[in-house]
Amino acid sequence: MNAPRIGHRSWLPSRRLARRSRGVILGGVWLRCRAWWRAQHLDRQLARGADPMGSDELSLRTGQLGSARTRERLACALRGAVELAGRQPDPWLSSALIGRQAIRENQELLLALAERLSTREPVGVEGLATASLLITDPSSPLYHDDASRSLAVTAYDALACLDHGHLSAPRP
């Protein structure tokens, strides 16, 4: 009979793992790198209603978006944009960094979105992905007044999608 050695973790694989395997870390390092590299593409898919369990990358990105850290980061970025839009523009910096006028006109909607992201309740993945794109995509209406959709429509869609669709896990 083989007795387990002290200090040996028998649940770890004893041989080298197959290439691109999930490995010991949940999802594997390769999957995490791919999800990080393709985050905006994955967010676009999720915002359009793709099944979060449709692929390993989508599943991992769904978990990342639903994490307390990411949700708070998104809420903080929205609050920061509202605060920045309310300040007097710095003459030394480009005033075109954000769409100040659109943000001022929709500040209540953006703050409501930030508040909803800060709750501990489960929220819709489509809304999380839309909020993420609103903040991270350089062509979003948060930064350009001439974007394909207005800031009001995009923020309202994100807020509405937080209440339905595929729900994220509740925050601890």
Protein backbone atom coordinates (compact mmCIF):
# COMPACT_ATOMS: atom_id res chain seq x y z
CA MET A 1 0.00 0.00 0.00
CA ASN A 2 1.31 3.43 -0.92
CA ALA A 3 1.28 5.79 2.03
CA PRO A 4 1.11 9.48 1.16
CA ARG A 5 4.35 11.29 1.78
CA ILE A 6 4.31 14.09 4.30
CA GLY A 7 4.32 17.47 2.57
CA HIS A 8 3.34 15.91 -0.77
CA ARG A 9 0.15 17.04 -2.45
CA SER A 10 -1.15 14.02 -4.29
CA TRP A 11 -3.87 16.00 -6.03
CA LEU A 12 -1.31 17.88 -8.13
CA PRO A 13 -0.47 16.32 -11.49
CA SER A 14 2.73 14.31 -11.41
CA ARG A 15 3.60 14.81 -15.09
CA ARG A 16 3.83 17.78 -17.37
CA LEU A 17 0.41 19.09 -18.42
CA ALA A 18 -0.79 19.03 -21.99
CA ARG A 19 -0.30 22.20 -23.99
CA ARG A 20 -3.03 24.81 -23.37
CA SER A 21 -4.51 22.65 -20.67
CA ARG A 22 -6.58 24.14 -17.88
CA GLY A 23 -3.73 23.22 -15.59
CA VAL A 24 -3.61 23.51 -11.85
CA ILE A 25 -4.85 27.12 -11.77
CA LEU A 26 -8.54 27.38 -12.55
CA GLY A 27 -8.71 28.09 -16.25
CA GLY A 28 -4.97 28.01 -16.70
CA VAL A 29 -2.58 30.86 -17.27
CA TRP A 30 -2.93 30.68 -21.05
CA LEU A 31 -6.70 31.13 -20.84
CA ARG A 32 -6.32 34.10 -18.50
CA CYS A 33 -3.85 35.73 -20.91
CA ARG A 34 -6.22 35.21 -23.86
CA ALA A 35 -9.16 36.61 -21.90
CA TRP A 36 -7.14 39.66 -20.87
CA TRP A 37 -5.91 40.23 -24.43
CA ARG A 38 -9.41 39.88 -25.92
CA ALA A 39 -11.38 41.60 -23.11
CA GLN A 40 -13.08 44.21 -25.32
CA HIS A 41 -14.04 41.62 -27.92
CA LEU A 42 -15.45 39.35 -25.22
CA ASP A 43 -17.29 42.29 -23.65
CA ARG A 44 -18.89 43.09 -27.02
CA GLN A 45 -20.06 39.49 -27.33
CA LEU A 46 -21.48 39.49 -23.80
CA ALA A 47 -23.15 42.87 -24.31
CA ARG A 48 -24.91 41.46 -27.38
CA GLY A 49 -26.29 38.61 -25.27
CA ALA A 50 -23.84 35.77 -25.93
CA ASP A 51 -24.13 32.80 -23.59
CA PRO A 52 -21.60 33.36 -20.77
CA MET A 53 -20.93 29.62 -20.70
CA GLY A 54 -20.49 29.44 -24.48
CA SER A 55 -16.71 29.21 -24.20
CA ASP A 56 -14.02 29.12 -21.54
CA GLU A 57 -12.99 32.69 -22.40
CA LEU A 58 -16.56 34.01 -22.07
CA SER A 59 -17.01 32.15 -18.81
CA LEU A 60 -13.80 33.56 -17.36
CA ARG A 61 -14.63 37.10 -18.55
CA THR A 62 -18.09 36.79 -16.98
CA GLY A 63 -16.47 35.92 -13.67
CA GLN A 64 -14.05 38.81 -13.99
CA LEU A 65 -16.81 41.31 -14.76
CA GLY A 66 -18.94 40.03 -11.88
CA SER A 67 -16.16 40.26 -9.32
CA ALA A 68 -16.47 42.84 -6.55
CA ARG A 69 -13.19 44.44 -7.59
CA THR A 70 -14.20 44.97 -11.22
CA ARG A 71 -17.68 46.19 -10.37
CA GLU A 72 -16.27 48.74 -7.93
CA ARG A 73 -13.65 49.81 -10.49
CA LEU A 74 -16.38 50.40 -13.09
CA ALA A 75 -18.51 52.37 -10.61
CA CYS A 76 -15.52 54.46 -9.57
CA ALA A 77 -14.66 55.24 -13.20
CA LEU A 78 -18.22 56.43 -13.87
CA ARG A 79 -18.22 58.64 -10.77
CA GLY A 80 -14.81 60.00 -11.78
CA ALA A 81 -16.04 60.87 -15.27
CA VAL A 82 -18.98 62.79 -13.81
CA GLU A 83 -16.68 64.64 -11.42
CA LEU A 84 -14.17 65.42 -14.17
CA ALA A 85 -16.89 66.71 -16.50
CA GLY A 86 -18.09 69.08 -13.78
CA ARG A 87 -14.66 70.68 -13.29
CA GLN A 88 -13.27 73.61 -15.20
CA PRO A 89 -11.16 72.21 -18.08
CA ASP A 90 -7.41 72.53 -17.67
CA PRO A 91 -6.03 74.73 -20.47
CA TRP A 92 -2.81 72.68 -20.59
CA LEU A 93 -4.63 69.41 -21.20
CA SER A 94 -6.76 68.48 -24.14
CA SER A 95 -10.39 69.18 -23.30
CA ALA A 96 -11.42 66.44 -25.71
CA LEU A 97 -10.46 63.58 -23.36
CA ILE A 98 -14.10 63.05 -22.44
CA GLY A 99 -17.43 64.23 -23.81
CA ARG A 100 -18.00 66.81 -21.06
CA GLN A 101 -21.31 68.12 -22.35
CA ALA A 102 -22.89 64.68 -22.79
CA ILE A 103 -21.67 63.57 -19.36
CA ARG A 104 -23.07 66.69 -17.67
CA GLU A 105 -26.42 66.17 -19.41
CA ASN A 106 -26.59 62.51 -18.30
CA GLN A 107 -24.88 62.68 -14.92
CA GLU A 108 -27.92 61.37 -12.99
CA LEU A 109 -28.11 58.34 -15.26
CA LEU A 110 -24.37 57.66 -14.97
CA LEU A 111 -24.47 57.99 -11.18
CA ALA A 112 -27.48 55.64 -11.02
CA LEU A 113 -25.50 53.14 -13.10
CA ALA A 114 -22.52 53.50 -10.76
CA GLU A 115 -24.77 53.00 -7.72
CA ARG A 116 -26.32 49.86 -9.23
CA LEU A 117 -22.86 48.45 -9.97
CA SER A 118 -21.85 49.04 -6.34
CA THR A 119 -24.64 46.89 -4.89
CA ARG A 120 -24.08 43.37 -3.64
CA GLU A 121 -27.00 41.97 -5.63
CA PRO A 122 -26.44 39.79 -8.70
CA VAL A 123 -26.66 41.80 -11.90
CA GLY A 124 -27.00 40.98 -15.59
CA VAL A 125 -23.80 40.13 -17.41
CA GLU A 126 -24.96 42.08 -20.48
CA GLY A 127 -25.16 45.24 -18.37
CA LEU A 128 -21.73 44.65 -16.86
CA ALA A 129 -20.23 44.17 -20.31
CA THR A 130 -21.97 47.29 -21.65
CA ALA A 131 -20.72 49.36 -18.70
CA SER A 132 -17.22 47.99 -19.22
CA LEU A 133 -17.28 48.94 -22.90
CA LEU A 134 -18.63 52.38 -22.05
CA ILE A 135 -15.53 52.97 -19.93
CA THR A 136 -12.78 51.07 -21.73
CA ASP A 137 -13.65 51.47 -25.41
CA PRO A 138 -12.04 54.64 -26.83
CA SER A 139 -14.87 54.98 -29.38
CA SER A 140 -17.62 54.92 -26.73
CA PRO A 141 -20.01 57.86 -26.29
CA LEU A 142 -18.33 58.64 -22.97
CA TYR A 143 -15.38 60.00 -24.96
CA HIS A 144 -16.96 61.06 -28.26
CA ASP A 145 -20.10 63.08 -28.86
CA ASP A 146 -20.33 61.71 -32.40
CA ALA A 147 -20.35 58.02 -31.39
CA SER A 148 -22.79 55.68 -33.14
CA ARG A 149 -25.09 55.66 -30.07
CA SER A 150 -25.67 58.50 -27.65
CA LEU A 151 -24.42 58.38 -24.09
CA ALA A 152 -27.98 58.47 -22.75
CA VAL A 153 -29.05 55.43 -24.80
CA THR A 154 -25.92 53.44 -23.96
CA ALA A 155 -26.06 54.20 -20.22
CA TYR A 156 -29.79 53.47 -20.10
CA ASP A 157 -29.27 50.15 -21.91
CA ALA A 158 -26.51 49.20 -19.46
CA LEU A 159 -28.74 50.07 -16.50
CA ALA A 160 -31.68 48.13 -17.94
CA CYS A 161 -29.52 45.09 -18.79
CA LEU A 162 -28.25 44.92 -15.20
CA ASP A 163 -31.75 43.83 -14.19
CA HIS A 164 -32.26 40.94 -16.62
CA GLY A 165 -30.47 38.36 -18.71
CA HIS A 166 -27.72 36.09 -17.45
CA LEU A 167 -27.12 37.07 -13.83
CA SER A 168 -23.69 37.21 -12.26
CA ALA A 169 -22.96 35.55 -8.95
CA PRO A 170 -23.92 37.57 -5.86
CA ARG A 171 -21.10 39.52 -4.23
CA PRO A 172 -19.96 38.33 -0.83
